[in-house]
């Protein structure tokens, strides 16, 4: 007999608006979310659309499936050129 607890998956929606700097072009961005119950470590943000994310002045939305984090305590990101 096997017993398991299957936690429902939650989708976190992250919106990012890029600045208007001349340095803002498409980039790879890695996101980390730290919650009270769990964390999402080093997730590469990608879009499902044909538009490339992180163009100057552009608003991008990302959907990140995860187990429950609880209250989000920290968000950090790293831009990789």
PDB file of N, CA and C in Angstrom:
ATOM      1  N   UNK A   1       0.835  -1.169   0.000  1.00  0.00           N
ATOM      2  CA  UNK A   1       0.000   0.000   0.000  1.00  0.00           C
ATOM      3  C   UNK A   1       0.885   1.240   0.000  1.00  0.00           C
ATOM      4  N   UNK A   2       0.577   2.173  -0.898  1.00  0.00           N
ATOM      5  CA  UNK A   2       1.305   3.427  -0.974  1.00  0.00           C
ATOM      6  C   UNK A   2       0.379   4.560  -0.574  1.00  0.00           C
ATOM      7  N   UNK A   3       0.892   5.467   0.233  1.00  0.00           N
ATOM      8  CA  UNK A   3       0.135   6.651   0.627  1.00  0.00           C
ATOM      9  C   UNK A   3       0.999   7.867   0.298  1.00  0.00           C
ATOM     10  N   UNK A   4       0.421   8.831  -0.352  1.00  0.00           N
ATOM     11  CA  UNK A   4       1.153  10.055  -0.654  1.00  0.00           C
ATOM     12  C   UNK A   4       0.209  11.234  -0.568  1.00  0.00           C
ATOM     13  N   UNK A   5       0.794  12.376  -0.358  1.00  0.00           N
ATOM     14  CA  UNK A   5       0.023  13.621  -0.330  1.00  0.00           C
ATOM     15  C   UNK A   5       0.440  14.409  -1.556  1.00  0.00           C
ATOM     16  N   UNK A   6      -0.499  14.681  -2.410  1.00  0.00           N
ATOM     17  CA  UNK A   6      -0.223  15.409  -3.637  1.00  0.00           C
ATOM     18  C   UNK A   6      -0.694  16.844  -3.460  1.00  0.00           C
ATOM     19  N   UNK A   7       0.271  17.740  -3.262  1.00  0.00           N
ATOM     20  CA  UNK A   7      -0.092  19.147  -3.096  1.00  0.00           C
ATOM     21  C   UNK A   7      -0.541  19.717  -4.429  1.00  0.00           C
ATOM     22  N   UNK A   8      -1.585  20.510  -4.415  1.00  0.00           N
ATOM     23  CA  UNK A   8      -2.004  21.135  -5.670  1.00  0.00           C
ATOM     24  C   UNK A   8      -0.938  22.143  -6.122  1.00  0.00           C
ATOM     25  N   UNK A   9      -0.748  22.219  -7.414  1.00  0.00           N
ATOM     26  CA  UNK A   9       0.222  23.155  -7.952  1.00  0.00           C
ATOM     27  C   UNK A   9      -0.392  24.548  -7.994  1.00  0.00           C
ATOM     28  N   UNK A  10       0.395  25.522  -7.653  1.00  0.00           N
ATOM     29  CA  UNK A  10      -0.018  26.917  -7.663  1.00  0.00           C
ATOM     30  C   UNK A  10       0.787  27.606  -8.749  1.00  0.00           C
ATOM     31  N   UNK A  11       0.175  28.547  -9.447  1.00  0.00           N
ATOM     32  CA  UNK A  11       0.888  29.313 -10.459  1.00  0.00           C
ATOM     33  C   UNK A  11       1.053  30.733  -9.950  1.00  0.00           C
ATOM     34  N   UNK A  12       2.298  31.160  -9.804  1.00  0.00           N
ATOM     35  CA  UNK A  12       2.601  32.524  -9.389  1.00  0.00           C
ATOM     36  C   UNK A  12       2.752  33.368 -10.638  1.00  0.00           C
ATOM     37  N   UNK A  13       2.117  34.540 -10.634  1.00  0.00           N
ATOM     38  CA  UNK A  13       2.172  35.456 -11.773  1.00  0.00           C
ATOM     39  C   UNK A  13       3.119  36.587 -11.407  1.00  0.00           C
ATOM     40  N   UNK A  14       4.145  36.769 -12.244  1.00  0.00           N
ATOM     41  CA  UNK A  14       5.150  37.799 -12.003  1.00  0.00           C
ATOM     42  C   UNK A  14       5.129  38.759 -13.184  1.00  0.00           C
ATOM     43  N   UNK A  15       4.901  40.035 -12.913  1.00  0.00           N
ATOM     44  CA  UNK A  15       4.922  41.065 -13.951  1.00  0.00           C
ATOM     45  C   UNK A  15       6.168  41.920 -13.794  1.00  0.00           C
ATOM     46  N   UNK A  16       6.844  42.178 -14.890  1.00  0.00           N
ATOM     47  CA  UNK A  16       8.058  42.997 -14.868  1.00  0.00           C
ATOM     48  C   UNK A  16       7.959  44.036 -15.974  1.00  0.00           C
ATOM     49  N   UNK A  17       8.180  45.302 -15.612  1.00  0.00           N
ATOM     50  CA  UNK A  17       8.249  46.370 -16.605  1.00  0.00           C
ATOM     51  C   UNK A  17       9.687  46.814 -16.706  1.00  0.00           C
ATOM     52  N   UNK A  18      10.249  46.701 -17.911  1.00  0.00           N
ATOM     53  CA  UNK A  18      11.637  47.093 -18.136  1.00  0.00           C
ATOM     54  C   UNK A  18      11.741  48.607 -18.179  1.00  0.00           C
ATOM     55  N   UNK A  19      12.876  49.119 -17.751  1.00  0.00           N
ATOM     56  CA  UNK A  19      13.127  50.559 -17.779  1.00  0.00           C
ATOM     57  C   UNK A  19      13.400  51.039 -19.191  1.00  0.00           C
ATOM     58  N   UNK A  20      13.710  52.310 -19.301  1.00  0.00           N
ATOM     59  CA  UNK A  20      13.941  52.920 -20.602  1.00  0.00           C
ATOM     60  C   UNK A  20      15.412  53.218 -20.853  1.00  0.00           C
ATOM     61  N   UNK A  21      16.290  52.560 -20.143  1.00  0.00           N
ATOM     62  CA  UNK A  21      17.722  52.752 -20.309  1.00  0.00           C
ATOM     63  C   UNK A  21      18.176  52.237 -21.666  1.00  0.00           C
ATOM     64  N   UNK A  22      19.219  52.840 -22.206  1.00  0.00           N
ATOM     65  CA  UNK A  22      19.768  52.351 -23.470  1.00  0.00           C
ATOM     66  C   UNK A  22      20.427  50.996 -23.287  1.00  0.00           C
ATOM     67  N   UNK A  23      20.667  50.584 -22.034  1.00  0.00           N
ATOM     68  CA  UNK A  23      21.264  49.285 -21.765  1.00  0.00           C
ATOM     69  C   UNK A  23      20.230  48.164 -21.767  1.00  0.00           C
ATOM     70  N   UNK A  24      18.934  48.537 -21.722  1.00  0.00           N
ATOM     71  CA  UNK A  24      17.885  47.513 -21.673  1.00  0.00           C
ATOM     72  C   UNK A  24      17.639  46.944 -23.058  1.00  0.00           C
ATOM     73  N   UNK A  25      17.965  45.726 -23.216  1.00  0.00           N
ATOM     74  CA  UNK A  25      17.673  44.978 -24.425  1.00  0.00           C
ATOM     75  C   UNK A  25      17.208  43.622 -23.941  1.00  0.00           C
ATOM     76  N   UNK A  26      16.983  42.718 -24.836  1.00  0.00           N
ATOM     77  CA  UNK A  26      16.574  41.408 -24.360  1.00  0.00           C
ATOM     78  C   UNK A  26      17.693  40.814 -23.525  1.00  0.00           C
ATOM     79  N   UNK A  27      17.325  40.045 -22.538  1.00  0.00           N
ATOM     80  CA  UNK A  27      18.308  39.468 -21.625  1.00  0.00           C
ATOM     81  C   UNK A  27      17.736  38.183 -21.051  1.00  0.00           C
ATOM     82  N   UNK A  28      18.586  37.444 -20.402  1.00  0.00           N
ATOM     83  CA  UNK A  28      18.146  36.306 -19.611  1.00  0.00           C
ATOM     84  C   UNK A  28      18.071  36.760 -18.165  1.00  0.00           C
ATOM     85  N   UNK A  29      16.946  36.517 -17.527  1.00  0.00           N
ATOM     86  CA  UNK A  29      16.762  36.930 -16.135  1.00  0.00           C
ATOM     87  C   UNK A  29      16.406  35.695 -15.313  1.00  0.00           C
ATOM     88  N   UNK A  30      17.103  35.548 -14.203  1.00  0.00           N
ATOM     89  CA  UNK A  30      16.864  34.445 -13.279  1.00  0.00           C
ATOM     90  C   UNK A  30      16.198  35.014 -12.033  1.00  0.00           C
ATOM     91  N   UNK A  31      15.092  34.401 -11.607  1.00  0.00           N
ATOM     92  CA  UNK A  31      14.296  34.881 -10.481  1.00  0.00           C
ATOM     93  C   UNK A  31      14.343  33.873  -9.338  1.00  0.00           C
ATOM     94  N   UNK A  32      14.417  34.387  -8.125  1.00  0.00           N
ATOM     95  CA  UNK A  32      14.311  33.563  -6.918  1.00  0.00           C
ATOM     96  C   UNK A  32      13.223  34.154  -6.034  1.00  0.00           C
ATOM     97  N   UNK A  33      12.268  33.319  -5.605  1.00  0.00           N
ATOM     98  CA  UNK A  33      11.221  33.723  -4.674  1.00  0.00           C
ATOM     99  C   UNK A  33      11.394  32.907  -3.396  1.00  0.00           C
ATOM    100  N   UNK A  34      11.462  33.575  -2.260  1.00  0.00           N
ATOM    101  CA  UNK A  34      11.597  32.901  -0.972  1.00  0.00           C
ATOM    102  C   UNK A  34      10.309  33.137  -0.184  1.00  0.00           C
ATOM    103  N   UNK A  35       9.664  32.048   0.199  1.00  0.00           N
ATOM    104  CA  UNK A  35       8.434  32.143   0.975  1.00  0.00           C
ATOM    105  C   UNK A  35       8.600  31.551   2.359  1.00  0.00           C
ATOM    106  N   UNK A  36       7.569  31.683   3.178  1.00  0.00           N
ATOM    107  CA  UNK A  36       7.603  31.136   4.534  1.00  0.00           C
ATOM    108  C   UNK A  36       7.640  29.617   4.549  1.00  0.00           C
ATOM    109  N   UNK A  37       7.027  28.984   3.535  1.00  0.00           N
ATOM    110  CA  UNK A  37       6.918  27.528   3.524  1.00  0.00           C
ATOM    111  C   UNK A  37       7.874  26.848   2.555  1.00  0.00           C
ATOM    112  N   UNK A  38       8.275  27.539   1.511  1.00  0.00           N
ATOM    113  CA  UNK A  38       9.099  26.940   0.472  1.00  0.00           C
ATOM    114  C   UNK A  38       9.743  28.051  -0.336  1.00  0.00           C
ATOM    115  N   UNK A  39      10.486  27.688  -1.368  1.00  0.00           N
ATOM    116  CA  UNK A  39      11.095  28.698  -2.230  1.00  0.00           C
ATOM    117  C   UNK A  39      11.199  28.187  -3.663  1.00  0.00           C
ATOM    118  N   UNK A  40      11.334  29.120  -4.574  1.00  0.00           N
ATOM    119  CA  UNK A  40      11.605  28.832  -5.977  1.00  0.00           C
ATOM    120  C   UNK A  40      12.990  29.385  -6.231  1.00  0.00           C
ATOM    121  N   UNK A  41      13.938  28.511  -6.471  1.00  0.00           N
ATOM    122  CA  UNK A  41      15.332  28.924  -6.617  1.00  0.00           C
ATOM    123  C   UNK A  41      15.738  29.011  -8.080  1.00  0.00           C
ATOM    124  N   UNK A  42      16.300  30.128  -8.451  1.00  0.00           N
ATOM    125  CA  UNK A  42      16.961  30.308  -9.752  1.00  0.00           C
ATOM    126  C   UNK A  42      16.152  29.803 -10.935  1.00  0.00           C
ATOM    127  N   UNK A  43      15.017  30.433 -11.157  1.00  0.00           N
ATOM    128  CA  UNK A  43      14.148  30.092 -12.271  1.00  0.00           C
ATOM    129  C   UNK A  43      14.400  31.043 -13.427  1.00  0.00           C
ATOM    130  N   UNK A  44      14.722  30.506 -14.598  1.00  0.00           N
ATOM    131  CA  UNK A  44      14.925  31.331 -15.783  1.00  0.00           C
ATOM    132  C   UNK A  44      13.560  31.776 -16.296  1.00  0.00           C
ATOM    133  N   UNK A  45      13.374  33.088 -16.432  1.00  0.00           N
ATOM    134  CA  UNK A  45      12.097  33.631 -16.892  1.00  0.00           C
ATOM    135  C   UNK A  45      12.035  33.565 -18.408  1.00  0.00           C
ATOM    136  N   UNK A  46      10.995  32.943 -18.937  1.00  0.00           N
ATOM    137  CA  UNK A  46      10.778  32.857 -20.377  1.00  0.00           C
ATOM    138  C   UNK A  46       9.334  33.211 -20.671  1.00  0.00           C
ATOM    139  N   UNK A  47       9.088  33.730 -21.866  1.00  0.00           N
ATOM    140  CA  UNK A  47       7.736  34.099 -22.285  1.00  0.00           C
ATOM    141  C   UNK A  47       7.168  33.039 -23.210  1.00  0.00           C
ATOM    142  N   UNK A  48       5.853  32.909 -23.179  1.00  0.00           N
ATOM    143  CA  UNK A  48       5.169  31.991 -24.083  1.00  0.00           C
ATOM    144  C   UNK A  48       4.779  32.672 -25.396  1.00  0.00           C
ATOM    145  N   UNK A  49       5.052  33.968 -25.496  1.00  0.00           N
ATOM    146  CA  UNK A  49       4.662  34.713 -26.696  1.00  0.00           C
ATOM    147  C   UNK A  49       5.838  34.801 -27.656  1.00  0.00           C
ATOM    148  N   UNK A  50       5.571  35.345 -28.839  1.00  0.00           N
ATOM    149  CA  UNK A  50       6.636  35.534 -29.826  1.00  0.00           C
ATOM    150  C   UNK A  50       7.524  36.719 -29.485  1.00  0.00           C
ATOM    151  N   UNK A  51       7.039  37.609 -28.618  1.00  0.00           N
ATOM    152  CA  UNK A  51       7.840  38.768 -28.224  1.00  0.00           C
ATOM    153  C   UNK A  51       8.975  38.332 -27.312  1.00  0.00           C
ATOM    154  N   UNK A  52      10.135  38.910 -27.507  1.00  0.00           N
ATOM    155  CA  UNK A  52      11.250  38.639 -26.610  1.00  0.00           C
ATOM    156  C   UNK A  52      11.081  39.516 -25.381  1.00  0.00           C
ATOM    157  N   UNK A  53      11.263  38.953 -24.199  1.00  0.00           N
ATOM    158  CA  UNK A  53      11.063  39.741 -22.977  1.00  0.00           C
ATOM    159  C   UNK A  53      12.181  40.750 -22.749  1.00  0.00           C
ATOM    160  N   UNK A  54      11.862  41.736 -21.927  1.00  0.00           N
ATOM    161  CA  UNK A  54      12.812  42.707 -21.386  1.00  0.00           C
ATOM    162  C   UNK A  54      13.313  43.745 -22.391  1.00  0.00           C
ATOM    163  N   UNK A  55      12.494  44.041 -23.411  1.00  0.00           N
ATOM    164  CA  UNK A  55      12.837  45.177 -24.261  1.00  0.00           C
ATOM    165  C   UNK A  55      12.566  46.457 -23.482  1.00  0.00           C
ATOM    166  N   UNK A  56      13.246  47.507 -23.830  1.00  0.00           N
ATOM    167  CA  UNK A  56      13.108  48.793 -23.160  1.00  0.00           C
ATOM    168  C   UNK A  56      11.645  49.241 -23.131  1.00  0.00           C
ATOM    169  N   UNK A  57      11.128  49.538 -21.925  1.00  0.00           N
ATOM    170  CA  UNK A  57       9.773  50.028 -21.749  1.00  0.00           C
ATOM    171  C   UNK A  57       8.670  48.978 -21.855  1.00  0.00           C
ATOM    172  N   UNK A  58       9.015  47.748 -22.044  1.00  0.00           N
ATOM    173  CA  UNK A  58       8.037  46.669 -22.249  1.00  0.00           C
ATOM    174  C   UNK A  58       7.580  46.067 -20.924  1.00  0.00           C
ATOM    175  N   UNK A  59       6.313  45.672 -20.863  1.00  0.00           N
ATOM    176  CA  UNK A  59       5.777  44.968 -19.701  1.00  0.00           C
ATOM    177  C   UNK A  59       5.644  43.489 -20.069  1.00  0.00           C
ATOM    178  N   UNK A  60       6.244  42.620 -19.261  1.00  0.00           N
ATOM    179  CA  UNK A  60       6.201  41.180 -19.514  1.00  0.00           C
ATOM    180  C   UNK A  60       5.565  40.470 -18.322  1.00  0.00           C
ATOM    181  N   UNK A  61       4.800  39.424 -18.615  1.00  0.00           N
ATOM    182  CA  UNK A  61       4.162  38.629 -17.576  1.00  0.00           C
ATOM    183  C   UNK A  61       4.671  37.200 -17.675  1.00  0.00           C
ATOM    184  N   UNK A  62       5.017  36.628 -16.516  1.00  0.00           N
ATOM    185  CA  UNK A  62       5.548  35.277 -16.455  1.00  0.00           C
ATOM    186  C   UNK A  62       4.680  34.454 -15.505  1.00  0.00           C
ATOM    187  N   UNK A  63       4.459  33.212 -15.843  1.00  0.00           N
ATOM    188  CA  UNK A  63       3.659  32.292 -15.038  1.00  0.00           C
ATOM    189  C   UNK A  63       4.583  31.197 -14.529  1.00  0.00           C
ATOM    190  N   UNK A  64       4.726  31.108 -13.200  1.00  0.00           N
ATOM    191  CA  UNK A  64       5.683  30.183 -12.601  1.00  0.00           C
ATOM    192  C   UNK A  64       4.924  29.163 -11.751  1.00  0.00           C
ATOM    193  N   UNK A  65       4.832  27.916 -12.230  1.00  0.00           N
ATOM    194  CA  UNK A  65       4.169  26.879 -11.430  1.00  0.00           C
ATOM    195  C   UNK A  65       5.062  26.424 -10.285  1.00  0.00           C
ATOM    196  N   UNK A  66       4.449  26.181  -9.141  1.00  0.00           N
ATOM    197  CA  UNK A  66       5.230  25.783  -7.970  1.00  0.00           C
ATOM    198  C   UNK A  66       4.303  25.192  -6.921  1.00  0.00           C
ATOM    199  N   UNK A  67       4.889  24.589  -5.933  1.00  0.00           N
ATOM    200  CA  UNK A  67       4.139  24.246  -4.724  1.00  0.00           C
ATOM    201  C   UNK A  67       3.932  25.527  -3.930  1.00  0.00           C
ATOM    202  N   UNK A  68       3.103  25.471  -2.947  1.00  0.00           N
ATOM    203  CA  UNK A  68       2.783  26.642  -2.132  1.00  0.00           C
ATOM    204  C   UNK A  68       4.032  27.200  -1.449  1.00  0.00           C
ATOM    205  N   UNK A  69       4.248  28.514  -1.600  1.00  0.00           N
ATOM    206  CA  UNK A  69       5.375  29.181  -0.956  1.00  0.00           C
ATOM    207  C   UNK A  69       5.008  29.754   0.405  1.00  0.00           C
ATOM    208  N   UNK A  70       3.725  29.961   0.638  1.00  0.00           N
ATOM    209  CA  UNK A  70       3.322  30.724   1.815  1.00  0.00           C
ATOM    210  C   UNK A  70       3.513  32.196   1.497  1.00  0.00           C
ATOM    211  N   UNK A  71       3.580  33.013   2.518  1.00  0.00           N
ATOM    212  CA  UNK A  71       3.779  34.443   2.307  1.00  0.00           C
ATOM    213  C   UNK A  71       5.176  34.676   1.728  1.00  0.00           C
ATOM    214  N   UNK A  72       5.234  35.387   0.602  1.00  0.00           N
ATOM    215  CA  UNK A  72       6.525  35.645  -0.045  1.00  0.00           C
ATOM    216  C   UNK A  72       7.290  36.674   0.776  1.00  0.00           C
ATOM    217  N   UNK A  73       8.500  36.308   1.173  1.00  0.00           N
ATOM    218  CA  UNK A  73       9.345  37.154   2.028  1.00  0.00           C
ATOM    219  C   UNK A  73      10.451  37.866   1.267  1.00  0.00           C
ATOM    220  N   UNK A  74      10.859  37.291   0.144  1.00  0.00           N
ATOM    221  CA  UNK A  74      11.991  37.877  -0.582  1.00  0.00           C
ATOM    222  C   UNK A  74      11.897  37.541  -2.061  1.00  0.00           C
ATOM    223  N   UNK A  75      12.227  38.517  -2.894  1.00  0.00           N
ATOM    224  CA  UNK A  75      12.305  38.331  -4.341  1.00  0.00           C
ATOM    225  C   UNK A  75      13.641  38.884  -4.788  1.00  0.00           C
ATOM    226  N   UNK A  76      14.375  38.082  -5.522  1.00  0.00           N
ATOM    227  CA  UNK A  76      15.641  38.592  -6.076  1.00  0.00           C
ATOM    228  C   UNK A  76      15.762  38.153  -7.522  1.00  0.00           C
ATOM    229  N   UNK A  77      16.497  38.918  -8.302  1.00  0.00           N
ATOM    230  CA  UNK A  77      16.670  38.587  -9.698  1.00  0.00           C
ATOM    231  C   UNK A  77      18.102  38.880 -10.108  1.00  0.00           C
ATOM    232  N   UNK A  78      18.508  38.225 -11.175  1.00  0.00           N
ATOM    233  CA  UNK A  78      19.849  38.379 -11.712  1.00  0.00           C
ATOM    234  C   UNK A  78      19.739  38.448 -13.211  1.00  0.00           C
ATOM    235  N   UNK A  79      20.269  39.529 -13.807  1.00  0.00           N
ATOM    236  CA  UNK A  79      20.250  39.694 -15.255  1.00  0.00           C
ATOM    237  C   UNK A  79      21.554  39.159 -15.823  1.00  0.00           C
ATOM    238  N   UNK A  80      21.437  38.265 -16.792  1.00  0.00           N
ATOM    239  CA  UNK A  80      22.606  37.664 -17.428  1.00  0.00           C
ATOM    240  C   UNK A  80      22.661  38.149 -18.866  1.00  0.00           C
ATOM    241  N   UNK A  81      23.750  38.776 -19.234  1.00  0.00           N
ATOM    242  CA  UNK A  81      23.893  39.305 -20.606  1.00  0.00           C
ATOM    243  C   UNK A  81      24.350  38.224 -21.545  1.00  0.00           C
TER     244      UNK A  81
END
